N, C-alpha and C. Protein backbone atom coordinates (compact mmCIF):
# COMPACT_ATOMS: atom_id res chain seq x y z
N MET A 1 20.64 -26.93 -21.51
CA MET A 1 22.02 -27.36 -21.74
C MET A 1 22.87 -26.13 -22.05
N ALA A 2 24.17 -26.29 -21.81
CA ALA A 2 25.08 -25.18 -22.02
C ALA A 2 26.43 -25.70 -22.49
N VAL A 3 27.09 -24.88 -23.31
CA VAL A 3 28.46 -25.18 -23.69
C VAL A 3 29.35 -24.56 -22.61
N LEU A 4 30.14 -25.41 -21.99
CA LEU A 4 31.00 -24.99 -20.88
C LEU A 4 32.36 -24.54 -21.40
N GLU A 5 33.05 -23.73 -20.61
CA GLU A 5 34.40 -23.32 -20.96
C GLU A 5 35.35 -24.48 -20.68
N ILE A 6 36.21 -24.77 -21.63
CA ILE A 6 37.17 -25.86 -21.47
C ILE A 6 38.45 -25.30 -20.87
N CYS A 7 38.87 -25.90 -19.77
CA CYS A 7 40.12 -25.51 -19.10
C CYS A 7 41.29 -25.99 -19.96
N THR A 8 42.28 -25.12 -20.13
CA THR A 8 43.43 -25.49 -20.93
C THR A 8 44.70 -25.50 -20.09
N PHE A 9 45.65 -26.28 -20.55
CA PHE A 9 46.95 -26.37 -19.92
C PHE A 9 47.55 -24.97 -19.84
N PRO A 10 48.07 -24.53 -18.71
CA PRO A 10 48.47 -25.25 -17.52
C PRO A 10 47.50 -25.11 -16.33
N ASN A 11 46.21 -25.02 -16.56
CA ASN A 11 45.24 -24.88 -15.47
C ASN A 11 45.46 -26.00 -14.44
N PRO A 12 45.60 -25.66 -13.15
CA PRO A 12 45.90 -26.67 -12.12
C PRO A 12 44.84 -27.75 -11.96
N VAL A 13 43.58 -27.48 -12.29
CA VAL A 13 42.53 -28.51 -12.13
C VAL A 13 42.85 -29.74 -13.00
N LEU A 14 43.59 -29.53 -14.08
CA LEU A 14 43.92 -30.64 -14.98
C LEU A 14 44.94 -31.61 -14.38
N LYS A 15 45.62 -31.20 -13.33
CA LYS A 15 46.65 -32.05 -12.72
C LYS A 15 46.17 -32.70 -11.41
N GLN A 16 44.91 -32.45 -11.03
CA GLN A 16 44.39 -33.01 -9.79
C GLN A 16 43.73 -34.36 -10.03
N LYS A 17 43.87 -35.24 -9.06
CA LYS A 17 43.16 -36.53 -9.10
C LYS A 17 41.71 -36.25 -8.71
N SER A 18 40.78 -36.72 -9.50
CA SER A 18 39.35 -36.43 -9.30
C SER A 18 38.72 -37.27 -8.21
N ARG A 19 37.69 -36.70 -7.57
CA ARG A 19 36.94 -37.37 -6.51
C ARG A 19 35.88 -38.29 -7.13
N PRO A 20 35.64 -39.44 -6.52
CA PRO A 20 34.54 -40.30 -6.98
C PRO A 20 33.18 -39.61 -6.78
N ILE A 21 32.26 -39.93 -7.64
CA ILE A 21 30.89 -39.43 -7.51
C ILE A 21 30.15 -40.38 -6.58
N GLN A 22 29.57 -39.84 -5.52
CA GLN A 22 28.87 -40.64 -4.52
C GLN A 22 27.40 -40.83 -4.86
N LYS A 23 26.81 -39.81 -5.49
CA LYS A 23 25.37 -39.84 -5.76
C LYS A 23 25.09 -39.19 -7.11
N ILE A 24 24.29 -39.88 -7.92
CA ILE A 24 23.91 -39.34 -9.21
C ILE A 24 22.63 -38.53 -9.02
N ASP A 25 22.81 -37.22 -8.86
CA ASP A 25 21.69 -36.33 -8.58
C ASP A 25 21.44 -35.42 -9.78
N PRO A 26 20.45 -34.53 -9.71
CA PRO A 26 20.16 -33.64 -10.83
C PRO A 26 21.35 -32.78 -11.26
N LYS A 27 22.22 -32.39 -10.33
CA LYS A 27 23.41 -31.60 -10.70
C LYS A 27 24.35 -32.41 -11.59
N ILE A 28 24.52 -33.68 -11.24
CA ILE A 28 25.39 -34.55 -12.05
C ILE A 28 24.76 -34.77 -13.43
N LEU A 29 23.45 -35.01 -13.47
CA LEU A 29 22.76 -35.22 -14.75
C LEU A 29 22.88 -33.98 -15.63
N GLN A 30 22.79 -32.79 -15.04
CA GLN A 30 22.94 -31.55 -15.80
C GLN A 30 24.37 -31.41 -16.31
N LEU A 31 25.33 -31.74 -15.45
CA LEU A 31 26.74 -31.68 -15.85
C LEU A 31 27.00 -32.61 -17.03
N VAL A 32 26.42 -33.81 -17.00
CA VAL A 32 26.58 -34.75 -18.12
C VAL A 32 26.04 -34.13 -19.41
N GLN A 33 24.85 -33.55 -19.37
CA GLN A 33 24.27 -32.92 -20.56
C GLN A 33 25.16 -31.79 -21.08
N ASP A 34 25.63 -30.94 -20.15
CA ASP A 34 26.47 -29.81 -20.55
C ASP A 34 27.81 -30.29 -21.11
N MET A 35 28.37 -31.34 -20.51
CA MET A 35 29.64 -31.87 -21.02
C MET A 35 29.46 -32.46 -22.41
N ALA A 36 28.36 -33.17 -22.64
CA ALA A 36 28.10 -33.73 -23.97
C ALA A 36 27.98 -32.62 -25.00
N GLU A 37 27.22 -31.59 -24.67
CA GLU A 37 27.05 -30.47 -25.60
C GLU A 37 28.40 -29.79 -25.88
N THR A 38 29.20 -29.63 -24.85
CA THR A 38 30.52 -29.01 -24.99
C THR A 38 31.41 -29.87 -25.87
N MET A 39 31.42 -31.18 -25.64
CA MET A 39 32.25 -32.09 -26.43
C MET A 39 31.85 -32.04 -27.91
N TYR A 40 30.54 -32.13 -28.18
CA TYR A 40 30.08 -32.13 -29.57
C TYR A 40 30.37 -30.80 -30.26
N SER A 41 30.27 -29.70 -29.54
CA SER A 41 30.47 -28.40 -30.18
C SER A 41 31.94 -28.06 -30.36
N ALA A 42 32.84 -28.74 -29.62
CA ALA A 42 34.27 -28.39 -29.65
C ALA A 42 34.94 -28.53 -31.03
N PRO A 43 34.81 -29.53 -31.84
CA PRO A 43 34.30 -30.87 -31.57
C PRO A 43 35.41 -31.78 -31.04
N GLY A 44 34.98 -32.78 -30.26
CA GLY A 44 35.92 -33.75 -29.72
C GLY A 44 35.26 -35.10 -29.62
N VAL A 45 36.02 -36.13 -29.25
CA VAL A 45 35.47 -37.48 -29.10
C VAL A 45 35.37 -37.87 -27.63
N GLY A 46 35.86 -37.01 -26.74
CA GLY A 46 35.77 -37.29 -25.32
C GLY A 46 35.99 -36.04 -24.50
N LEU A 47 35.44 -36.04 -23.30
CA LEU A 47 35.61 -34.90 -22.40
C LEU A 47 35.47 -35.43 -20.97
N ALA A 48 36.42 -35.04 -20.12
CA ALA A 48 36.38 -35.44 -18.72
C ALA A 48 36.01 -34.21 -17.88
N ALA A 49 35.36 -34.46 -16.75
CA ALA A 49 34.89 -33.37 -15.90
C ALA A 49 35.98 -32.37 -15.52
N PRO A 50 37.22 -32.80 -15.23
CA PRO A 50 38.24 -31.80 -14.90
C PRO A 50 38.49 -30.79 -16.03
N GLN A 51 38.23 -31.20 -17.26
CA GLN A 51 38.43 -30.30 -18.39
C GLN A 51 37.45 -29.14 -18.40
N VAL A 52 36.36 -29.27 -17.64
CA VAL A 52 35.40 -28.17 -17.53
C VAL A 52 35.34 -27.66 -16.09
N GLY A 53 36.43 -27.92 -15.34
CA GLY A 53 36.59 -27.35 -14.02
C GLY A 53 35.97 -28.10 -12.86
N HIS A 54 35.54 -29.34 -13.08
CA HIS A 54 34.93 -30.15 -12.02
C HIS A 54 35.84 -31.35 -11.73
N SER A 55 36.37 -31.41 -10.53
CA SER A 55 37.28 -32.49 -10.16
C SER A 55 36.48 -33.72 -9.71
N LEU A 56 35.73 -34.28 -10.66
CA LEU A 56 34.88 -35.45 -10.41
C LEU A 56 35.22 -36.55 -11.40
N ARG A 57 35.03 -37.82 -10.99
CA ARG A 57 35.32 -38.97 -11.86
C ARG A 57 34.14 -39.21 -12.81
N LEU A 58 34.11 -38.37 -13.83
CA LEU A 58 33.03 -38.40 -14.82
C LEU A 58 33.62 -38.07 -16.18
N ALA A 59 33.23 -38.86 -17.19
CA ALA A 59 33.69 -38.60 -18.56
C ALA A 59 32.58 -38.95 -19.54
N VAL A 60 32.59 -38.26 -20.67
CA VAL A 60 31.70 -38.59 -21.78
C VAL A 60 32.56 -38.85 -23.01
N ILE A 61 32.12 -39.83 -23.81
CA ILE A 61 32.88 -40.23 -25.00
C ILE A 61 31.88 -40.55 -26.10
N ASP A 62 32.23 -40.16 -27.32
CA ASP A 62 31.48 -40.58 -28.51
C ASP A 62 32.46 -40.62 -29.67
N VAL A 63 32.82 -41.83 -30.09
CA VAL A 63 33.81 -41.99 -31.16
C VAL A 63 33.18 -42.27 -32.51
N THR A 64 31.86 -42.11 -32.62
CA THR A 64 31.20 -42.31 -33.91
C THR A 64 31.56 -41.16 -34.84
N PRO A 65 31.58 -41.42 -36.15
CA PRO A 65 31.89 -40.33 -37.09
C PRO A 65 30.91 -39.16 -36.92
N ALA A 66 31.41 -37.96 -37.14
CA ALA A 66 30.61 -36.74 -36.93
C ALA A 66 29.32 -36.73 -37.74
N ASP A 67 29.34 -37.36 -38.92
CA ASP A 67 28.15 -37.35 -39.77
C ASP A 67 27.20 -38.52 -39.46
N GLY A 68 27.56 -39.35 -38.51
CA GLY A 68 26.72 -40.50 -38.14
C GLY A 68 25.85 -40.20 -36.94
N PRO A 69 25.02 -41.16 -36.55
CA PRO A 69 24.18 -40.95 -35.36
C PRO A 69 25.04 -40.93 -34.10
N LYS A 70 24.63 -40.12 -33.14
CA LYS A 70 25.38 -40.00 -31.89
C LYS A 70 25.22 -41.27 -31.06
N ASN A 71 26.31 -41.61 -30.35
CA ASN A 71 26.30 -42.77 -29.46
C ASN A 71 27.09 -42.40 -28.20
N LEU A 72 26.45 -41.59 -27.35
CA LEU A 72 27.13 -41.05 -26.18
C LEU A 72 27.34 -42.12 -25.11
N LEU A 73 28.56 -42.22 -24.64
CA LEU A 73 28.93 -43.12 -23.56
C LEU A 73 29.23 -42.25 -22.35
N VAL A 74 28.50 -42.47 -21.26
CA VAL A 74 28.71 -41.72 -20.02
C VAL A 74 29.35 -42.66 -19.00
N LEU A 75 30.50 -42.27 -18.49
CA LEU A 75 31.26 -43.10 -17.56
C LEU A 75 31.36 -42.39 -16.22
N ILE A 76 30.77 -42.98 -15.19
CA ILE A 76 30.86 -42.45 -13.83
C ILE A 76 31.78 -43.38 -13.05
N ASN A 77 32.77 -42.79 -12.40
CA ASN A 77 33.76 -43.54 -11.61
C ASN A 77 34.42 -44.66 -12.41
N PRO A 78 34.88 -44.38 -13.63
CA PRO A 78 35.48 -45.45 -14.44
C PRO A 78 36.87 -45.86 -13.95
N GLU A 79 37.19 -47.13 -14.19
CA GLU A 79 38.53 -47.63 -13.91
C GLU A 79 38.87 -48.72 -14.91
N ILE A 80 40.11 -48.72 -15.34
CA ILE A 80 40.58 -49.74 -16.26
C ILE A 80 40.88 -50.99 -15.44
N VAL A 81 40.24 -52.11 -15.81
CA VAL A 81 40.42 -53.36 -15.06
C VAL A 81 41.25 -54.38 -15.83
N ALA A 82 41.44 -54.15 -17.13
CA ALA A 82 42.29 -55.03 -17.92
C ALA A 82 42.78 -54.27 -19.15
N ALA A 83 44.00 -54.60 -19.57
CA ALA A 83 44.58 -53.97 -20.76
C ALA A 83 45.49 -54.97 -21.43
N GLU A 84 45.53 -54.90 -22.76
CA GLU A 84 46.43 -55.78 -23.49
C GLU A 84 46.90 -55.15 -24.78
N GLY A 85 48.04 -55.60 -25.25
CA GLY A 85 48.60 -55.12 -26.50
C GLY A 85 49.13 -53.70 -26.37
N GLU A 86 49.69 -53.23 -27.46
CA GLU A 86 50.23 -51.87 -27.50
C GLU A 86 50.02 -51.30 -28.89
N CYS A 87 49.71 -50.02 -28.93
CA CYS A 87 49.59 -49.33 -30.21
C CYS A 87 50.03 -47.89 -30.01
N THR A 88 50.28 -47.22 -31.11
CA THR A 88 50.65 -45.81 -31.08
C THR A 88 49.57 -45.06 -31.83
N TRP A 89 49.12 -43.95 -31.24
CA TRP A 89 48.02 -43.20 -31.81
C TRP A 89 48.37 -41.72 -31.80
N ASP A 90 48.00 -41.01 -32.85
CA ASP A 90 48.19 -39.56 -32.92
C ASP A 90 47.08 -38.90 -32.12
N GLU A 91 47.42 -38.43 -30.92
CA GLU A 91 46.41 -37.88 -30.01
C GLU A 91 46.46 -36.37 -29.96
N GLY A 92 45.30 -35.81 -29.71
CA GLY A 92 45.16 -34.40 -29.42
C GLY A 92 44.27 -34.29 -28.21
N CYS A 93 44.07 -33.07 -27.72
CA CYS A 93 43.27 -32.89 -26.52
C CYS A 93 42.66 -31.49 -26.54
N LEU A 94 41.39 -31.41 -26.16
CA LEU A 94 40.72 -30.12 -26.11
C LEU A 94 41.37 -29.19 -25.08
N SER A 95 42.04 -29.75 -24.08
CA SER A 95 42.71 -28.95 -23.05
C SER A 95 44.15 -28.60 -23.41
N VAL A 96 44.64 -29.15 -24.51
CA VAL A 96 45.99 -28.83 -25.00
C VAL A 96 45.82 -28.49 -26.49
N PRO A 97 45.20 -27.33 -26.76
CA PRO A 97 44.84 -27.00 -28.15
C PRO A 97 46.05 -26.88 -29.08
N ASP A 98 45.80 -27.22 -30.34
CA ASP A 98 46.80 -27.10 -31.41
C ASP A 98 48.05 -27.93 -31.14
N CYS A 99 47.87 -29.09 -30.54
CA CYS A 99 49.01 -29.95 -30.22
C CYS A 99 48.59 -31.41 -30.42
N ASN A 100 49.22 -32.07 -31.36
CA ASN A 100 48.99 -33.50 -31.58
C ASN A 100 50.33 -34.21 -31.53
N GLU A 101 50.35 -35.36 -30.87
CA GLU A 101 51.58 -36.15 -30.77
C GLU A 101 51.24 -37.63 -30.74
N GLU A 102 52.20 -38.44 -31.16
CA GLU A 102 52.06 -39.89 -31.10
C GLU A 102 52.23 -40.36 -29.65
N VAL A 103 51.24 -41.14 -29.17
CA VAL A 103 51.26 -41.64 -27.80
C VAL A 103 51.09 -43.15 -27.81
N LYS A 104 51.90 -43.85 -26.99
CA LYS A 104 51.75 -45.30 -26.86
C LYS A 104 50.68 -45.59 -25.83
N ARG A 105 49.77 -46.47 -26.18
CA ARG A 105 48.66 -46.87 -25.31
C ARG A 105 48.44 -48.36 -25.45
N SER A 106 47.59 -48.89 -24.57
CA SER A 106 47.15 -50.28 -24.73
C SER A 106 46.20 -50.36 -25.92
N LYS A 107 46.29 -51.46 -26.65
CA LYS A 107 45.47 -51.64 -27.85
C LYS A 107 44.02 -51.98 -27.50
N LYS A 108 43.85 -52.65 -26.35
CA LYS A 108 42.51 -53.08 -25.92
C LYS A 108 42.42 -52.88 -24.41
N VAL A 109 41.29 -52.34 -23.96
CA VAL A 109 41.08 -52.15 -22.52
C VAL A 109 39.67 -52.58 -22.13
N VAL A 110 39.54 -52.99 -20.89
CA VAL A 110 38.23 -53.25 -20.29
C VAL A 110 38.07 -52.23 -19.17
N VAL A 111 36.95 -51.52 -19.19
CA VAL A 111 36.70 -50.47 -18.21
C VAL A 111 35.43 -50.79 -17.44
N ARG A 112 35.53 -50.71 -16.12
CA ARG A 112 34.37 -50.87 -15.25
C ARG A 112 33.94 -49.46 -14.82
N TYR A 113 32.62 -49.21 -14.83
CA TYR A 113 32.10 -47.89 -14.51
C TYR A 113 30.65 -48.01 -14.05
N GLN A 114 30.07 -46.87 -13.67
CA GLN A 114 28.64 -46.82 -13.38
C GLN A 114 27.97 -46.02 -14.50
N ASN A 115 26.76 -46.44 -14.86
CA ASN A 115 26.01 -45.69 -15.85
C ASN A 115 25.16 -44.62 -15.15
N LEU A 116 24.36 -43.90 -15.90
CA LEU A 116 23.54 -42.82 -15.33
C LEU A 116 22.51 -43.30 -14.32
N GLN A 117 22.17 -44.58 -14.37
CA GLN A 117 21.22 -45.15 -13.40
C GLN A 117 21.94 -45.65 -12.15
N GLY A 118 23.25 -45.50 -12.11
CA GLY A 118 24.03 -45.95 -10.96
C GLY A 118 24.35 -47.43 -10.98
N GLU A 119 24.05 -48.08 -12.10
CA GLU A 119 24.32 -49.52 -12.23
C GLU A 119 25.77 -49.74 -12.65
N ASN A 120 26.38 -50.80 -12.14
CA ASN A 120 27.73 -51.16 -12.56
C ASN A 120 27.68 -51.72 -13.97
N ALA A 121 28.67 -51.35 -14.77
CA ALA A 121 28.73 -51.81 -16.15
C ALA A 121 30.20 -51.98 -16.55
N GLU A 122 30.41 -52.66 -17.66
CA GLU A 122 31.75 -52.86 -18.21
C GLU A 122 31.68 -52.65 -19.70
N ILE A 123 32.76 -52.09 -20.24
CA ILE A 123 32.86 -51.93 -21.68
C ILE A 123 34.26 -52.33 -22.10
N THR A 124 34.34 -53.01 -23.25
CA THR A 124 35.62 -53.36 -23.83
C THR A 124 35.84 -52.44 -25.02
N GLY A 125 36.99 -51.79 -25.04
CA GLY A 125 37.30 -50.88 -26.14
C GLY A 125 38.54 -51.32 -26.88
N GLU A 126 38.47 -51.20 -28.20
CA GLU A 126 39.61 -51.45 -29.06
C GLU A 126 39.77 -50.26 -29.98
N GLU A 127 40.97 -50.08 -30.50
CA GLU A 127 41.29 -48.99 -31.41
C GLU A 127 40.92 -47.64 -30.82
N ILE A 128 40.18 -46.80 -31.56
CA ILE A 128 39.90 -45.43 -31.11
C ILE A 128 39.14 -45.40 -29.78
N LEU A 129 38.24 -46.36 -29.55
CA LEU A 129 37.52 -46.37 -28.28
C LEU A 129 38.48 -46.68 -27.13
N ALA A 130 39.41 -47.60 -27.32
CA ALA A 130 40.40 -47.90 -26.28
C ALA A 130 41.25 -46.67 -25.99
N ILE A 131 41.64 -45.96 -27.03
CA ILE A 131 42.46 -44.75 -26.86
C ILE A 131 41.66 -43.70 -26.09
N ALA A 132 40.41 -43.47 -26.49
CA ALA A 132 39.57 -42.45 -25.84
C ALA A 132 39.33 -42.80 -24.36
N LEU A 133 39.06 -44.06 -24.09
CA LEU A 133 38.84 -44.49 -22.70
C LEU A 133 40.08 -44.20 -21.86
N GLN A 134 41.25 -44.59 -22.35
CA GLN A 134 42.49 -44.37 -21.60
C GLN A 134 42.78 -42.88 -21.43
N HIS A 135 42.56 -42.12 -22.50
CA HIS A 135 42.83 -40.68 -22.47
C HIS A 135 41.95 -39.98 -21.43
N GLU A 136 40.65 -40.29 -21.42
CA GLU A 136 39.73 -39.63 -20.49
C GLU A 136 39.96 -40.09 -19.05
N ILE A 137 40.25 -41.36 -18.84
CA ILE A 137 40.54 -41.84 -17.49
C ILE A 137 41.84 -41.22 -16.98
N ASP A 138 42.81 -41.02 -17.87
CA ASP A 138 44.02 -40.30 -17.48
C ASP A 138 43.66 -38.91 -16.93
N HIS A 139 42.74 -38.20 -17.62
CA HIS A 139 42.32 -36.89 -17.12
C HIS A 139 41.81 -36.98 -15.69
N LEU A 140 41.06 -38.02 -15.38
CA LEU A 140 40.50 -38.18 -14.04
C LEU A 140 41.58 -38.44 -13.00
N ASP A 141 42.74 -38.89 -13.46
CA ASP A 141 43.87 -39.15 -12.57
C ASP A 141 44.89 -38.01 -12.59
N GLY A 142 44.54 -36.90 -13.25
CA GLY A 142 45.44 -35.75 -13.31
C GLY A 142 46.58 -35.91 -14.29
N ILE A 143 46.39 -36.76 -15.29
CA ILE A 143 47.43 -37.02 -16.29
C ILE A 143 46.97 -36.50 -17.64
N LEU A 144 47.81 -35.70 -18.29
CA LEU A 144 47.54 -35.22 -19.64
C LEU A 144 48.32 -36.09 -20.63
N PHE A 145 47.86 -36.13 -21.87
CA PHE A 145 48.56 -36.97 -22.84
C PHE A 145 50.00 -36.52 -23.02
N ILE A 146 50.29 -35.25 -22.81
CA ILE A 146 51.66 -34.78 -22.95
C ILE A 146 52.56 -35.34 -21.85
N ASP A 147 51.96 -35.79 -20.74
CA ASP A 147 52.75 -36.42 -19.68
C ASP A 147 53.27 -37.79 -20.12
N ARG A 148 52.74 -38.32 -21.19
CA ARG A 148 53.14 -39.64 -21.69
C ARG A 148 54.18 -39.53 -22.81
N LEU A 149 54.63 -38.31 -23.09
CA LEU A 149 55.63 -38.08 -24.13
C LEU A 149 57.03 -38.13 -23.54
N SER A 150 58.02 -38.10 -24.41
CA SER A 150 59.42 -38.06 -23.94
C SER A 150 59.64 -36.75 -23.18
N PRO A 151 60.59 -36.74 -22.26
CA PRO A 151 60.86 -35.51 -21.50
C PRO A 151 61.15 -34.30 -22.41
N LEU A 152 61.86 -34.52 -23.50
CA LEU A 152 62.20 -33.41 -24.41
C LEU A 152 60.94 -32.84 -25.06
N LYS A 153 60.10 -33.71 -25.62
CA LYS A 153 58.86 -33.24 -26.25
C LYS A 153 57.97 -32.53 -25.23
N ARG A 154 57.87 -33.10 -24.05
CA ARG A 154 57.05 -32.51 -23.00
C ARG A 154 57.54 -31.11 -22.63
N ARG A 155 58.86 -30.97 -22.50
CA ARG A 155 59.45 -29.67 -22.16
C ARG A 155 59.15 -28.64 -23.24
N LEU A 156 59.29 -29.02 -24.51
CA LEU A 156 59.04 -28.10 -25.61
C LEU A 156 57.58 -27.64 -25.63
N ILE A 157 56.66 -28.56 -25.40
CA ILE A 157 55.24 -28.22 -25.39
C ILE A 157 54.93 -27.30 -24.20
N LYS A 158 55.47 -27.62 -23.04
CA LYS A 158 55.23 -26.79 -21.85
C LYS A 158 55.76 -25.38 -22.06
N LYS A 159 56.94 -25.24 -22.67
CA LYS A 159 57.51 -23.92 -22.95
C LYS A 159 56.59 -23.14 -23.89
N LYS A 160 56.08 -23.81 -24.90
CA LYS A 160 55.18 -23.16 -25.86
C LYS A 160 53.94 -22.61 -25.14
N PHE A 161 53.37 -23.40 -24.24
CA PHE A 161 52.16 -22.96 -23.54
C PHE A 161 52.48 -21.89 -22.49
N GLN A 162 53.63 -21.97 -21.85
CA GLN A 162 54.02 -20.94 -20.89
C GLN A 162 54.21 -19.60 -21.59
N LYS A 163 54.81 -19.63 -22.77
CA LYS A 163 55.01 -18.41 -23.56
C LYS A 163 53.66 -17.83 -23.97
N LYS A 164 52.78 -18.69 -24.42
CA LYS A 164 51.44 -18.25 -24.83
C LYS A 164 50.68 -17.65 -23.63
N ASP A 165 50.81 -18.29 -22.47
CA ASP A 165 50.14 -17.82 -21.25
C ASP A 165 50.66 -16.43 -20.86
N LYS A 166 51.98 -16.22 -20.92
CA LYS A 166 52.57 -14.92 -20.61
C LYS A 166 52.07 -13.84 -21.58
N GLU A 167 51.99 -14.19 -22.86
CA GLU A 167 51.53 -13.22 -23.87
C GLU A 167 50.08 -12.83 -23.62
N GLU A 168 49.25 -13.81 -23.24
CA GLU A 168 47.83 -13.52 -22.99
C GLU A 168 47.65 -12.66 -21.75
N LYS A 169 48.50 -12.83 -20.74
CA LYS A 169 48.41 -12.04 -19.52
C LYS A 169 48.82 -10.59 -19.75
N LYS A 170 49.67 -10.35 -20.77
CA LYS A 170 50.10 -8.99 -21.10
C LYS A 170 48.96 -8.19 -21.73
N LEU A 171 48.04 -8.88 -22.39
CA LEU A 171 46.96 -8.19 -23.11
C LEU A 171 45.96 -7.55 -22.20
């Protein structure tokens, strides 16, 4: 297993719509292990393949408390098939470091996906799990949580990252 480098905004891979996974082979299984290790070491509650430079419809999520037993959820080709209610959640993202904002999301979602055995499965998420599911599936569609903010907030965040990017290139 390996801790992978996390792509950060404005990396173009984060804005691409991901390709479906056709076959669960040893490369995909290795990527899942590496993504889980990367997510846990970051630390985060979710990680999508585009965040580590792979434009594939794959995400890992674990919303259990850090001091509790791990409960890794691996989602291959996930899609939201039902959503209800509305809530606001203070979100952050490993690909948009040092930035947290209130985001409106569905309060409850049903997600259809394939597991590691290639079997079709469904999960219903509420509260933090619903937020994580929506956040990671957004990544697979090339959407960052900052894209769900008001135009003014989005502009301010983008300017901050563009300035930081210019400063890093000077070094």
